[in-house]
Each structure stands twice: as structure tokens, then as C-alpha cells.
């Protein structure tokens, strides 16, 4: 089973997306802030990380940079999830090391396709 780490501080978004992805057959582990996300990624070595960018303690940009600079987590694909849909936000996500970018509110079919693509590469 594919394990996805969902790093999302909004409880409603976290619960909704977790349930929807679990119904699609993914094992979901959640973190509520960027620091917890980095810690869990190192411990669990998930197959994929869905990273909210606006997080407490350690934002998604910095959490992604830390994960991509660690030898044990650098190869884990990270998809940025953000309500900020401007081109500059997308570029900032790629510069931080994200492998892909998706906007909120999440369109499940679009996100699933991005997840499939990230897991195949």
C-alpha cells in the first residue's frame, strides 16, 4: 500500500482529504505543522508527501527545503498544496524543491493524477 504523508494544519481540510484518499486505497499519515511533517517524513519514509505551504512552526517552503536537503528524504516526491494560486507561488514551490504544485480547494481527480505521475517518476 502506498503511504502518503499529508502535512496540513487545517483540521477540516486534513480530515476531508485523508478520507477521500483512503477511499482510493492510500495509507494516509498526517502532520499538523511543518516541523512535525519533517520529523514524520524522516521516520516513516512515505512514498509521497502532500505539503500545505502555509503551516505553523515551520512553513511548507522551509519544510520542503529541509526534506530535499536530507539524504534520507531527498528522493520523496513532494506536491505543494496551497490556496495561493499565483504563478509566483508556483515558482516558489518549485524553487523550494517541490516536485509538483496543486491549488486549493483540491480537485480530487486532478490531485490523483499528479500523485500518480509523481509516484511513477
PDB file of N, CA and C in Angstrom:
ATOM      1  N   UNK A   1       0.853  -1.182   0.000  1.00  0.00           N
ATOM      2  CA  UNK A   1       0.000   0.000   0.000  1.00  0.00           C
ATOM      3  C   UNK A   1       0.898   1.245   0.000  1.00  0.00           C
ATOM      4  N   UNK A   2       0.521   2.205  -0.800  1.00  0.00           N
ATOM      5  CA  UNK A   2       1.272   3.462  -0.904  1.00  0.00           C
ATOM      6  C   UNK A   2       0.956   4.341   0.295  1.00  0.00           C
ATOM      7  N   UNK A   3       2.016   4.807   0.960  1.00  0.00           N
ATOM      8  CA  UNK A   3       1.863   5.679   2.122  1.00  0.00           C
ATOM      9  C   UNK A   3       2.081   7.132   1.704  1.00  0.00           C
ATOM     10  N   UNK A   4       1.110   7.970   2.058  1.00  0.00           N
ATOM     11  CA  UNK A   4       1.172   9.397   1.767  1.00  0.00           C
ATOM     12  C   UNK A   4       1.185  10.155   3.087  1.00  0.00           C
ATOM     13  N   UNK A   5       2.152  11.055   3.222  1.00  0.00           N
ATOM     14  CA  UNK A   5       2.190  11.957   4.370  1.00  0.00           C
ATOM     15  C   UNK A   5       1.492  13.245   3.964  1.00  0.00           C
ATOM     16  N   UNK A   6       0.408  13.559   4.638  1.00  0.00           N
ATOM     17  CA  UNK A   6      -0.350  14.785   4.392  1.00  0.00           C
ATOM     18  C   UNK A   6      -0.005  15.783   5.495  1.00  0.00           C
ATOM     19  N   UNK A   7       0.666  16.865   5.121  1.00  0.00           N
ATOM     20  CA  UNK A   7       1.049  17.906   6.074  1.00  0.00           C
ATOM     21  C   UNK A   7       0.090  19.074   5.863  1.00  0.00           C
ATOM     22  N   UNK A   8      -0.846  19.214   6.788  1.00  0.00           N
ATOM     23  CA  UNK A   8      -1.952  20.183   6.642  1.00  0.00           C
ATOM     24  C   UNK A   8      -2.394  20.625   8.026  1.00  0.00           C
ATOM     25  N   UNK A   9      -2.396  21.935   8.280  1.00  0.00           N
ATOM     26  CA  UNK A   9      -2.765  22.426   9.603  1.00  0.00           C
ATOM     27  C   UNK A   9      -4.264  22.605   9.792  1.00  0.00           C
ATOM     28  N   UNK A  10      -5.022  22.722   8.718  1.00  0.00           N
ATOM     29  CA  UNK A  10      -6.464  22.918   8.837  1.00  0.00           C
ATOM     30  C   UNK A  10      -7.139  21.563   9.040  1.00  0.00           C
ATOM     31  N   UNK A  11      -7.744  21.393  10.207  1.00  0.00           N
ATOM     32  CA  UNK A  11      -8.320  20.097  10.573  1.00  0.00           C
ATOM     33  C   UNK A  11      -9.382  19.628   9.576  1.00  0.00           C
ATOM     34  N   UNK A  12     -10.242  20.518   9.133  1.00  0.00           N
ATOM     35  CA  UNK A  12     -11.289  20.136   8.197  1.00  0.00           C
ATOM     36  C   UNK A  12     -10.684  19.674   6.862  1.00  0.00           C
ATOM     37  N   UNK A  13      -9.713  20.424   6.345  1.00  0.00           N
ATOM     38  CA  UNK A  13      -9.054  20.024   5.095  1.00  0.00           C
ATOM     39  C   UNK A  13      -8.324  18.699   5.265  1.00  0.00           C
ATOM     40  N   UNK A  14      -7.641  18.546   6.382  1.00  0.00           N
ATOM     41  CA  UNK A  14      -6.872  17.329   6.660  1.00  0.00           C
ATOM     42  C   UNK A  14      -7.795  16.115   6.720  1.00  0.00           C
ATOM     43  N   UNK A  15      -8.884  16.232   7.449  1.00  0.00           N
ATOM     44  CA  UNK A  15      -9.813  15.104   7.591  1.00  0.00           C
ATOM     45  C   UNK A  15     -10.493  14.761   6.276  1.00  0.00           C
ATOM     46  N   UNK A  16     -10.943  15.781   5.554  1.00  0.00           N
ATOM     47  CA  UNK A  16     -11.645  15.549   4.296  1.00  0.00           C
ATOM     48  C   UNK A  16     -10.731  14.879   3.273  1.00  0.00           C
ATOM     49  N   UNK A  17      -9.529  15.420   3.098  1.00  0.00           N
ATOM     50  CA  UNK A  17      -8.613  14.867   2.103  1.00  0.00           C
ATOM     51  C   UNK A  17      -8.130  13.483   2.518  1.00  0.00           C
ATOM     52  N   UNK A  18      -7.881  13.277   3.795  1.00  0.00           N
ATOM     53  CA  UNK A  18      -7.467  11.954   4.282  1.00  0.00           C
ATOM     54  C   UNK A  18      -8.521  10.906   3.947  1.00  0.00           C
ATOM     55  N   UNK A  19      -9.766  11.192   4.251  1.00  0.00           N
ATOM     56  CA  UNK A  19     -10.844  10.224   3.970  1.00  0.00           C
ATOM     57  C   UNK A  19     -10.967   9.935   2.483  1.00  0.00           C
ATOM     58  N   UNK A  20     -10.891  10.968   1.671  1.00  0.00           N
ATOM     59  CA  UNK A  20     -11.036  10.775   0.229  1.00  0.00           C
ATOM     60  C   UNK A  20      -9.892   9.944  -0.345  1.00  0.00           C
ATOM     61  N   UNK A  21      -8.676  10.192   0.132  1.00  0.00           N
ATOM     62  CA  UNK A  21      -7.520   9.436  -0.367  1.00  0.00           C
ATOM     63  C   UNK A  21      -7.518   7.999   0.163  1.00  0.00           C
ATOM     64  N   UNK A  22      -7.954   7.813   1.403  1.00  0.00           N
ATOM     65  CA  UNK A  22      -8.048   6.453   1.946  1.00  0.00           C
ATOM     66  C   UNK A  22      -9.046   5.621   1.149  1.00  0.00           C
ATOM     67  N   UNK A  23     -10.146   6.229   0.719  1.00  0.00           N
ATOM     68  CA  UNK A  23     -11.128   5.518  -0.110  1.00  0.00           C
ATOM     69  C   UNK A  23     -10.533   5.115  -1.460  1.00  0.00           C
ATOM     70  N   UNK A  24      -9.492   5.814  -1.889  1.00  0.00           N
ATOM     71  CA  UNK A  24      -8.820   5.486  -3.148  1.00  0.00           C
ATOM     72  C   UNK A  24      -7.700   4.465  -2.940  1.00  0.00           C
ATOM     73  N   UNK A  25      -7.529   3.998  -1.694  1.00  0.00           N
ATOM     74  CA  UNK A  25      -6.576   2.936  -1.422  1.00  0.00           C
ATOM     75  C   UNK A  25      -5.231   3.365  -0.882  1.00  0.00           C
ATOM     76  N   UNK A  26      -5.057   4.635  -0.557  1.00  0.00           N
ATOM     77  CA  UNK A  26      -3.794   5.115   0.005  1.00  0.00           C
ATOM     78  C   UNK A  26      -3.808   5.000   1.528  1.00  0.00           C
ATOM     79  N   UNK A  27      -2.658   4.751   2.104  1.00  0.00           N
ATOM     80  CA  UNK A  27      -2.479   4.828   3.566  1.00  0.00           C
ATOM     81  C   UNK A  27      -2.062   6.263   3.855  1.00  0.00           C
ATOM     82  N   UNK A  28      -2.803   6.945   4.708  1.00  0.00           N
ATOM     83  CA  UNK A  28      -2.549   8.356   4.991  1.00  0.00           C
ATOM     84  C   UNK A  28      -2.035   8.524   6.414  1.00  0.00           C
ATOM     85  N   UNK A  29      -0.932   9.251   6.522  1.00  0.00           N
ATOM     86  CA  UNK A  29      -0.383   9.672   7.805  1.00  0.00           C
ATOM     87  C   UNK A  29      -0.429  11.194   7.775  1.00  0.00           C
ATOM     88  N   UNK A  30      -0.812  11.815   8.885  1.00  0.00           N
ATOM     89  CA  UNK A  30      -0.963  13.273   8.873  1.00  0.00           C
ATOM     90  C   UNK A  30      -0.019  13.951   9.863  1.00  0.00           C
ATOM     91  N   UNK A  31       0.332  15.167   9.495  1.00  0.00           N
ATOM     92  CA  UNK A  31       1.091  16.063  10.358  1.00  0.00           C
ATOM     93  C   UNK A  31       0.386  17.412  10.335  1.00  0.00           C
ATOM     94  N   UNK A  32       0.440  18.134  11.459  1.00  0.00           N
ATOM     95  CA  UNK A  32      -0.291  19.387  11.591  1.00  0.00           C
ATOM     96  C   UNK A  32       0.571  20.627  11.390  1.00  0.00           C
ATOM     97  N   UNK A  33       1.893  20.458  11.310  1.00  0.00           N
ATOM     98  CA  UNK A  33       2.774  21.598  11.071  1.00  0.00           C
ATOM     99  C   UNK A  33       4.018  21.103  10.341  1.00  0.00           C
ATOM    100  N   UNK A  34       4.796  22.038   9.833  1.00  0.00           N
ATOM    101  CA  UNK A  34       5.960  21.679   9.039  1.00  0.00           C
ATOM    102  C   UNK A  34       7.024  20.913   9.804  1.00  0.00           C
ATOM    103  N   UNK A  35       7.236  21.263  11.057  1.00  0.00           N
ATOM    104  CA  UNK A  35       8.251  20.570  11.865  1.00  0.00           C
ATOM    105  C   UNK A  35       7.860  19.110  12.076  1.00  0.00           C
ATOM    106  N   UNK A  36       6.599  18.885  12.395  1.00  0.00           N
ATOM    107  CA  UNK A  36       6.109  17.522  12.575  1.00  0.00           C
ATOM    108  C   UNK A  36       6.181  16.766  11.241  1.00  0.00           C
ATOM    109  N   UNK A  37       5.913  17.459  10.143  1.00  0.00           N
ATOM    110  CA  UNK A  37       5.993  16.838   8.827  1.00  0.00           C
ATOM    111  C   UNK A  37       7.398  16.360   8.499  1.00  0.00           C
ATOM    112  N   UNK A  38       8.391  17.187   8.794  1.00  0.00           N
ATOM    113  CA  UNK A  38       9.795  16.803   8.550  1.00  0.00           C
ATOM    114  C   UNK A  38      10.151  15.592   9.405  1.00  0.00           C
ATOM    115  N   UNK A  39       9.759  15.630  10.671  1.00  0.00           N
ATOM    116  CA  UNK A  39      10.063  14.528  11.594  1.00  0.00           C
ATOM    117  C   UNK A  39       9.423  13.219  11.128  1.00  0.00           C
ATOM    118  N   UNK A  40       8.140  13.267  10.768  1.00  0.00           N
ATOM    119  CA  UNK A  40       7.443  12.055  10.325  1.00  0.00           C
ATOM    120  C   UNK A  40       7.992  11.535   8.998  1.00  0.00           C
ATOM    121  N   UNK A  41       8.350  12.437   8.105  1.00  0.00           N
ATOM    122  CA  UNK A  41       8.912  12.003   6.821  1.00  0.00           C
ATOM    123  C   UNK A  41      10.211  11.232   7.043  1.00  0.00           C
ATOM    124  N   UNK A  42      11.045  11.717   7.942  1.00  0.00           N
ATOM    125  CA  UNK A  42      12.309  11.040   8.231  1.00  0.00           C
ATOM    126  C   UNK A  42      12.066   9.684   8.895  1.00  0.00           C
ATOM    127  N   UNK A  43      11.103   9.620   9.780  1.00  0.00           N
ATOM    128  CA  UNK A  43      10.807   8.371  10.499  1.00  0.00           C
ATOM    129  C   UNK A  43      10.144   7.331   9.608  1.00  0.00           C
ATOM    130  N   UNK A  44       9.146   7.768   8.840  1.00  0.00           N
ATOM    131  CA  UNK A  44       8.281   6.831   8.119  1.00  0.00           C
ATOM    132  C   UNK A  44       8.689   6.570   6.675  1.00  0.00           C
ATOM    133  N   UNK A  45       9.462   7.485   6.094  1.00  0.00           N
ATOM    134  CA  UNK A  45       9.854   7.350   4.687  1.00  0.00           C
ATOM    135  C   UNK A  45       8.627   7.078   3.796  1.00  0.00           C
ATOM    136  N   UNK A  46       7.663   8.010   3.772  1.00  0.00           N
ATOM    137  CA  UNK A  46       6.465   7.799   2.956  1.00  0.00           C
ATOM    138  C   UNK A  46       6.813   7.780   1.467  1.00  0.00           C
ATOM    139  N   UNK A  47       5.895   7.265   0.679  1.00  0.00           N
ATOM    140  CA  UNK A  47       6.093   7.209  -0.767  1.00  0.00           C
ATOM    141  C   UNK A  47       5.899   8.577  -1.407  1.00  0.00           C
ATOM    142  N   UNK A  48       5.104   9.446  -0.758  1.00  0.00           N
ATOM    143  CA  UNK A  48       4.744  10.749  -1.308  1.00  0.00           C
ATOM    144  C   UNK A  48       4.369  11.672  -0.161  1.00  0.00           C
ATOM    145  N   UNK A  49       4.643  12.964  -0.336  1.00  0.00           N
ATOM    146  CA  UNK A  49       4.245  13.969   0.655  1.00  0.00           C
ATOM    147  C   UNK A  49       3.367  15.010  -0.026  1.00  0.00           C
ATOM    148  N   UNK A  50       2.214  15.291   0.585  1.00  0.00           N
ATOM    149  CA  UNK A  50       1.361  16.406   0.177  1.00  0.00           C
ATOM    150  C   UNK A  50       1.587  17.500   1.206  1.00  0.00           C
ATOM    151  N   UNK A  51       2.173  18.617   0.777  1.00  0.00           N
ATOM    152  CA  UNK A  51       2.648  19.650   1.700  1.00  0.00           C
ATOM    153  C   UNK A  51       1.875  20.950   1.525  1.00  0.00           C
ATOM    154  N   UNK A  52       1.083  21.294   2.543  1.00  0.00           N
ATOM    155  CA  UNK A  52       0.487  22.632   2.580  1.00  0.00           C
ATOM    156  C   UNK A  52       1.642  23.618   2.733  1.00  0.00           C
ATOM    157  N   UNK A  53       1.545  24.771   2.130  1.00  0.00           N
ATOM    158  CA  UNK A  53       2.636  25.736   2.197  1.00  0.00           C
ATOM    159  C   UNK A  53       2.490  26.714   3.355  1.00  0.00           C
ATOM    160  N   UNK A  54       1.267  26.981   3.789  1.00  0.00           N
ATOM    161  CA  UNK A  54       1.030  27.924   4.892  1.00  0.00           C
ATOM    162  C   UNK A  54       0.812  27.131   6.174  1.00  0.00           C
ATOM    163  N   UNK A  55       1.925  26.832   6.842  1.00  0.00           N
ATOM    164  CA  UNK A  55       1.880  25.997   8.041  1.00  0.00           C
ATOM    165  C   UNK A  55       2.467  26.733   9.236  1.00  0.00           C
ATOM    166  N   UNK A  56       2.017  26.379  10.456  1.00  0.00           N
ATOM    167  CA  UNK A  56       2.638  26.949  11.649  1.00  0.00           C
ATOM    168  C   UNK A  56       3.978  26.270  11.956  1.00  0.00           C
ATOM    169  N   UNK A  57       4.728  26.882  12.833  1.00  0.00           N
ATOM    170  CA  UNK A  57       6.025  26.432  13.342  1.00  0.00           C
ATOM    171  C   UNK A  57       7.089  26.467  12.251  1.00  0.00           C
ATOM    172  N   UNK A  58       6.896  25.710  11.192  1.00  0.00           N
ATOM    173  CA  UNK A  58       7.827  25.671  10.064  1.00  0.00           C
ATOM    174  C   UNK A  58       6.964  25.637   8.811  1.00  0.00           C
ATOM    175  N   UNK A  59       7.040  26.672   7.968  1.00  0.00           N
ATOM    176  CA  UNK A  59       6.148  26.701   6.805  1.00  0.00           C
ATOM    177  C   UNK A  59       6.536  25.626   5.784  1.00  0.00           C
ATOM    178  N   UNK A  60       5.644  25.393   4.845  1.00  0.00           N
ATOM    179  CA  UNK A  60       5.850  24.343   3.854  1.00  0.00           C
ATOM    180  C   UNK A  60       7.053  24.569   2.960  1.00  0.00           C
ATOM    181  N   UNK A  61       7.377  25.834   2.697  1.00  0.00           N
ATOM    182  CA  UNK A  61       8.546  26.133   1.860  1.00  0.00           C
ATOM    183  C   UNK A  61       9.818  25.637   2.556  1.00  0.00           C
ATOM    184  N   UNK A  62       9.968  25.998   3.833  1.00  0.00           N
ATOM    185  CA  UNK A  62      11.175  25.619   4.576  1.00  0.00           C
ATOM    186  C   UNK A  62      11.189  24.122   4.872  1.00  0.00           C
ATOM    187  N   UNK A  63      10.037  23.546   5.197  1.00  0.00           N
ATOM    188  CA  UNK A  63       9.974  22.098   5.438  1.00  0.00           C
ATOM    189  C   UNK A  63      10.406  21.337   4.187  1.00  0.00           C
ATOM    190  N   UNK A  64       9.952  21.797   3.021  1.00  0.00           N
ATOM    191  CA  UNK A  64      10.344  21.152   1.763  1.00  0.00           C
ATOM    192  C   UNK A  64      11.846  21.276   1.538  1.00  0.00           C
ATOM    193  N   UNK A  65      12.387  22.471   1.761  1.00  0.00           N
ATOM    194  CA  UNK A  65      13.842  22.658   1.598  1.00  0.00           C
ATOM    195  C   UNK A  65      14.626  21.710   2.510  1.00  0.00           C
ATOM    196  N   UNK A  66      14.193  21.601   3.754  1.00  0.00           N
ATOM    197  CA  UNK A  66      14.876  20.703   4.691  1.00  0.00           C
ATOM    198  C   UNK A  66      14.806  19.257   4.218  1.00  0.00           C
ATOM    199  N   UNK A  67      13.624  18.828   3.786  1.00  0.00           N
ATOM    200  CA  UNK A  67      13.465  17.441   3.329  1.00  0.00           C
ATOM    201  C   UNK A  67      14.295  17.150   2.085  1.00  0.00           C
ATOM    202  N   UNK A  68      14.357  18.096   1.171  1.00  0.00           N
ATOM    203  CA  UNK A  68      15.111  17.886  -0.073  1.00  0.00           C
ATOM    204  C   UNK A  68      16.621  17.962   0.155  1.00  0.00           C
ATOM    205  N   UNK A  69      17.048  18.553   1.275  1.00  0.00           N
ATOM    206  CA  UNK A  69      18.473  18.637   1.595  1.00  0.00           C
ATOM    207  C   UNK A  69      18.962  17.489   2.479  1.00  0.00           C
ATOM    208  N   UNK A  70      18.070  16.621   2.896  1.00  0.00           N
ATOM    209  CA  UNK A  70      18.442  15.454   3.709  1.00  0.00           C
ATOM    210  C   UNK A  70      18.627  14.256   2.789  1.00  0.00           C
ATOM    211  N   UNK A  71      19.669  13.502   2.997  1.00  0.00           N
ATOM    212  CA  UNK A  71      19.912  12.336   2.133  1.00  0.00           C
ATOM    213  C   UNK A  71      18.826  11.269   2.285  1.00  0.00           C
ATOM    214  N   UNK A  72      18.229  11.149   3.465  1.00  0.00           N
ATOM    215  CA  UNK A  72      17.229  10.100   3.681  1.00  0.00           C
ATOM    216  C   UNK A  72      15.829  10.462   3.182  1.00  0.00           C
ATOM    217  N   UNK A  73      15.579  11.733   2.859  1.00  0.00           N
ATOM    218  CA  UNK A  73      14.239  12.132   2.398  1.00  0.00           C
ATOM    219  C   UNK A  73      14.257  12.861   1.057  1.00  0.00           C
ATOM    220  N   UNK A  74      15.420  13.099   0.505  1.00  0.00           N
ATOM    221  CA  UNK A  74      15.509  13.934  -0.707  1.00  0.00           C
ATOM    222  C   UNK A  74      14.793  13.344  -1.916  1.00  0.00           C
ATOM    223  N   UNK A  75      14.644  12.039  -1.964  1.00  0.00           N
ATOM    224  CA  UNK A  75      14.019  11.424  -3.140  1.00  0.00           C
ATOM    225  C   UNK A  75      12.509  11.263  -3.000  1.00  0.00           C
ATOM    226  N   UNK A  76      11.946  11.620  -1.857  1.00  0.00           N
ATOM    227  CA  UNK A  76      10.490  11.510  -1.675  1.00  0.00           C
ATOM    228  C   UNK A  76       9.819  12.638  -2.452  1.00  0.00           C
ATOM    229  N   UNK A  77       8.922  12.293  -3.392  1.00  0.00           N
ATOM    230  CA  UNK A  77       8.233  13.368  -4.120  1.00  0.00           C
ATOM    231  C   UNK A  77       7.329  14.179  -3.195  1.00  0.00           C
ATOM    232  N   UNK A  78       7.339  15.495  -3.428  1.00  0.00           N
ATOM    233  CA  UNK A  78       6.522  16.414  -2.633  1.00  0.00           C
ATOM    234  C   UNK A  78       5.643  17.225  -3.581  1.00  0.00           C
ATOM    235  N   UNK A  79       4.350  17.209  -3.313  1.00  0.00           N
ATOM    236  CA  UNK A  79       3.398  18.032  -4.060  1.00  0.00           C
ATOM    237  C   UNK A  79       2.933  19.148  -3.139  1.00  0.00           C
ATOM    238  N   UNK A  80       3.167  20.386  -3.553  1.00  0.00           N
ATOM    239  CA  UNK A  80       2.719  21.550  -2.793  1.00  0.00           C
ATOM    240  C   UNK A  80       1.211  21.703  -2.938  1.00  0.00           C
ATOM    241  N   UNK A  81       0.546  21.975  -1.828  1.00  0.00           N
ATOM    242  CA  UNK A  81      -0.885  22.288  -1.828  1.00  0.00           C
ATOM    243  C   UNK A  81      -1.040  23.668  -1.225  1.00  0.00           C
ATOM    244  N   UNK A  82      -1.648  24.568  -1.977  1.00  0.00           N
ATOM    245  CA  UNK A  82      -1.790  25.928  -1.453  1.00  0.00           C
ATOM    246  C   UNK A  82      -3.005  26.630  -2.027  1.00  0.00           C
ATOM    247  N   UNK A  83      -3.556  27.515  -1.228  1.00  0.00           N
ATOM    248  CA  UNK A  83      -4.651  28.362  -1.696  1.00  0.00           C
ATOM    249  C   UNK A  83      -4.109  29.522  -2.516  1.00  0.00           C
ATOM    250  N   UNK A  84      -2.800  29.730  -2.472  1.00  0.00           N
ATOM    251  CA  UNK A  84      -2.157  30.802  -3.236  1.00  0.00           C
ATOM    252  C   UNK A  84      -1.916  30.303  -4.651  1.00  0.00           C
ATOM    253  N   UNK A  85      -2.690  30.798  -5.593  1.00  0.00           N
ATOM    254  CA  UNK A  85      -2.658  30.259  -6.952  1.00  0.00           C
ATOM    255  C   UNK A  85      -1.894  31.138  -7.936  1.00  0.00           C
ATOM    256  N   UNK A  86      -1.125  32.078  -7.448  1.00  0.00           N
ATOM    257  CA  UNK A  86      -0.385  32.948  -8.363  1.00  0.00           C
ATOM    258  C   UNK A  86       0.826  32.214  -8.915  1.00  0.00           C
ATOM    259  N   UNK A  87       1.247  32.604 -10.113  1.00  0.00           N
ATOM    260  CA  UNK A  87       2.394  31.978 -10.759  1.00  0.00           C
ATOM    261  C   UNK A  87       3.644  32.082  -9.898  1.00  0.00           C
ATOM    262  N   UNK A  88       3.790  33.188  -9.171  1.00  0.00           N
ATOM    263  CA  UNK A  88       4.970  33.345  -8.320  1.00  0.00           C
ATOM    264  C   UNK A  88       4.976  32.327  -7.183  1.00  0.00           C
ATOM    265  N   UNK A  89       3.792  31.941  -6.685  1.00  0.00           N
ATOM    266  CA  UNK A  89       3.715  30.923  -5.633  1.00  0.00           C
ATOM    267  C   UNK A  89       4.109  29.556  -6.184  1.00  0.00           C
ATOM    268  N   UNK A  90       3.689  29.268  -7.399  1.00  0.00           N
ATOM    269  CA  UNK A  90       4.061  28.004  -8.028  1.00  0.00           C
ATOM    270  C   UNK A  90       5.575  27.949  -8.228  1.00  0.00           C
ATOM    271  N   UNK A  91       6.147  29.035  -8.712  1.00  0.00           N
ATOM    272  CA  UNK A  91       7.601  29.085  -8.915  1.00  0.00           C
ATOM    273  C   UNK A  91       8.335  28.949  -7.581  1.00  0.00           C
ATOM    274  N   UNK A  92       7.822  29.581  -6.552  1.00  0.00           N
ATOM    275  CA  UNK A  92       8.434  29.491  -5.224  1.00  0.00           C
ATOM    276  C   UNK A  92       8.414  28.042  -4.720  1.00  0.00           C
ATOM    277  N   UNK A  93       7.326  27.319  -4.989  1.00  0.00           N
ATOM    278  CA  UNK A  93       7.226  25.912  -4.581  1.00  0.00           C
ATOM    279  C   UNK A  93       8.282  25.069  -5.291  1.00  0.00           C
ATOM    280  N   UNK A  94       8.451  25.297  -6.593  1.00  0.00           N
ATOM    281  CA  UNK A  94       9.461  24.542  -7.335  1.00  0.00           C
ATOM    282  C   UNK A  94      10.868  24.900  -6.858  1.00  0.00           C
ATOM    283  N   UNK A  95      11.111  26.154  -6.557  1.00  0.00           N
ATOM    284  CA  UNK A  95      12.427  26.571  -6.060  1.00  0.00           C
ATOM    285  C   UNK A  95      12.727  25.946  -4.696  1.00  0.00           C
ATOM    286  N   UNK A  96      11.697  25.729  -3.891  1.00  0.00           N
ATOM    287  CA  UNK A  96      11.890  25.091  -2.586  1.00  0.00           C
ATOM    288  C   UNK A  96      12.206  23.610  -2.731  1.00  0.00           C
ATOM    289  N   UNK A  97      11.863  23.039  -3.891  1.00  0.00           N
ATOM    290  CA  UNK A  97      12.143  21.623  -4.132  1.00  0.00           C
ATOM    291  C   UNK A  97      10.927  20.760  -4.379  1.00  0.00           C
ATOM    292  N   UNK A  98       9.740  21.371  -4.425  1.00  0.00           N
ATOM    293  CA  UNK A  98       8.537  20.583  -4.690  1.00  0.00           C
ATOM    294  C   UNK A  98       8.602  19.982  -6.090  1.00  0.00           C
ATOM    295  N   UNK A  99       8.043  18.792  -6.203  1.00  0.00           N
ATOM    296  CA  UNK A  99       8.031  18.101  -7.488  1.00  0.00           C
ATOM    297  C   UNK A  99       6.811  18.477  -8.327  1.00  0.00           C
ATOM    298  N   UNK A 100       5.774  18.962  -7.666  1.00  0.00           N
ATOM    299  CA  UNK A 100       4.577  19.401  -8.371  1.00  0.00           C
ATOM    300  C   UNK A 100       3.840  20.379  -7.462  1.00  0.00           C
ATOM    301  N   UNK A 101       2.757  20.934  -7.982  1.00  0.00           N
ATOM    302  CA  UNK A 101       2.042  22.026  -7.326  1.00  0.00           C
ATOM    303  C   UNK A 101       0.562  21.866  -7.623  1.00  0.00           C
ATOM    304  N   UNK A 102      -0.280  22.015  -6.614  1.00  0.00           N
ATOM    305  CA  UNK A 102      -1.719  21.983  -6.845  1.00  0.00           C
ATOM    306  C   UNK A 102      -2.372  23.018  -5.936  1.00  0.00           C
ATOM    307  N   UNK A 103      -3.491  23.535  -6.388  1.00  0.00           N
ATOM    308  CA  UNK A 103      -4.173  24.595  -5.654  1.00  0.00           C
ATOM    309  C   UNK A 103      -5.357  24.050  -4.866  1.00  0.00           C
ATOM    310  N   UNK A 104      -5.706  24.796  -3.839  1.00  0.00           N
ATOM    311  CA  UNK A 104      -6.903  24.523  -3.048  1.00  0.00           C
ATOM    312  C   UNK A 104      -7.987  25.472  -3.520  1.00  0.00           C
ATOM    313  N   UNK A 105      -9.238  25.099  -3.440  1.00  0.00           N
ATOM    314  CA  UNK A 105      -9.690  23.809  -2.945  1.00  0.00           C
ATOM    315  C   UNK A 105      -9.249  22.683  -3.881  1.00  0.00           C
ATOM    316  N   UNK A 106      -8.958  21.539  -3.286  1.00  0.00           N
ATOM    317  CA  UNK A 106      -8.443  20.395  -4.029  1.00  0.00           C
ATOM    318  C   UNK A 106      -9.516  19.834  -4.949  1.00  0.00           C
ATOM    319  N   UNK A 107      -9.133  19.635  -6.202  1.00  0.00           N
ATOM    320  CA  UNK A 107      -9.959  18.907  -7.162  1.00  0.00           C
ATOM    321  C   UNK A 107      -9.378  17.490  -7.176  1.00  0.00           C
ATOM    322  N   UNK A 108     -10.103  16.527  -6.606  1.00  0.00           N
ATOM    323  CA  UNK A 108      -9.541  15.211  -6.335  1.00  0.00           C
ATOM    324  C   UNK A 108      -8.973  14.529  -7.574  1.00  0.00           C
ATOM    325  N   UNK A 109      -9.700  14.532  -8.677  1.00  0.00           N
ATOM    326  CA  UNK A 109      -9.196  13.855  -9.884  1.00  0.00           C
ATOM    327  C   UNK A 109      -7.879  14.467 -10.357  1.00  0.00           C
ATOM    328  N   UNK A 110      -7.781  15.777 -10.306  1.00  0.00           N
ATOM    329  CA  UNK A 110      -6.544  16.457 -10.719  1.00  0.00           C
ATOM    330  C   UNK A 110      -5.395  16.084  -9.779  1.00  0.00           C
ATOM    331  N   UNK A 111      -5.662  16.102  -8.462  1.00  0.00           N
ATOM    332  CA  UNK A 111      -4.627  15.750  -7.492  1.00  0.00           C
ATOM    333  C   UNK A 111      -4.209  14.290  -7.655  1.00  0.00           C
ATOM    334  N   UNK A 112      -5.154  13.396  -7.840  1.00  0.00           N
ATOM    335  CA  UNK A 112      -4.818  11.975  -8.018  1.00  0.00           C
ATOM    336  C   UNK A 112      -3.915  11.768  -9.227  1.00  0.00           C
ATOM    337  N   UNK A 113      -4.169  12.493 -10.298  1.00  0.00           N
ATOM    338  CA  UNK A 113      -3.317  12.380 -11.487  1.00  0.00           C
ATOM    339  C   UNK A 113      -1.904  12.874 -11.184  1.00  0.00           C
ATOM    340  N   UNK A 114      -1.790  13.969 -10.474  1.00  0.00           N
ATOM    341  CA  UNK A 114      -0.466  14.480 -10.098  1.00  0.00           C
ATOM    342  C   UNK A 114       0.247  13.499  -9.174  1.00  0.00           C
ATOM    343  N   UNK A 115      -0.499  12.881  -8.281  1.00  0.00           N
ATOM    344  CA  UNK A 115       0.089  11.889  -7.383  1.00  0.00           C
ATOM    345  C   UNK A 115       0.592  10.683  -8.178  1.00  0.00           C
ATOM    346  N   UNK A 116      -0.219  10.202  -9.105  1.00  0.00           N
ATOM    347  CA  UNK A 116       0.204   9.049  -9.944  1.00  0.00           C
ATOM    348  C   UNK A 116       1.477   9.398 -10.700  1.00  0.00           C
ATOM    349  N   UNK A 117       1.516  10.566 -11.269  1.00  0.00           N
ATOM    350  CA  UNK A 117       2.696  10.994 -12.029  1.00  0.00           C
ATOM    351  C   UNK A 117       3.932  11.074 -11.125  1.00  0.00           C
ATOM    352  N   UNK A 118       3.782  11.650  -9.948  1.00  0.00           N
ATOM    353  CA  UNK A 118       4.922  11.788  -9.030  1.00  0.00           C
ATOM    354  C   UNK A 118       5.422  10.415  -8.567  1.00  0.00           C
ATOM    355  N   UNK A 119       4.519   9.485  -8.347  1.00  0.00           N
ATOM    356  CA  UNK A 119       4.904   8.158  -7.875  1.00  0.00           C
ATOM    357  C   UNK A 119       5.559   7.331  -8.985  1.00  0.00           C
ATOM    358  N   UNK A 120       5.244   7.615 -10.232  1.00  0.00           N
ATOM    359  CA  UNK A 120       5.842   6.878 -11.355  1.00  0.00           C
ATOM    360  C   UNK A 120       7.245   7.346 -11.664  1.00  0.00           C
ATOM    361  N   UNK A 121       7.592   8.565 -11.315  1.00  0.00           N
ATOM    362  CA  UNK A 121       8.915   9.109 -11.656  1.00  0.00           C
ATOM    363  C   UNK A 121       9.941   8.883 -10.575  1.00  0.00           C
TER     364      UNK A 121
END
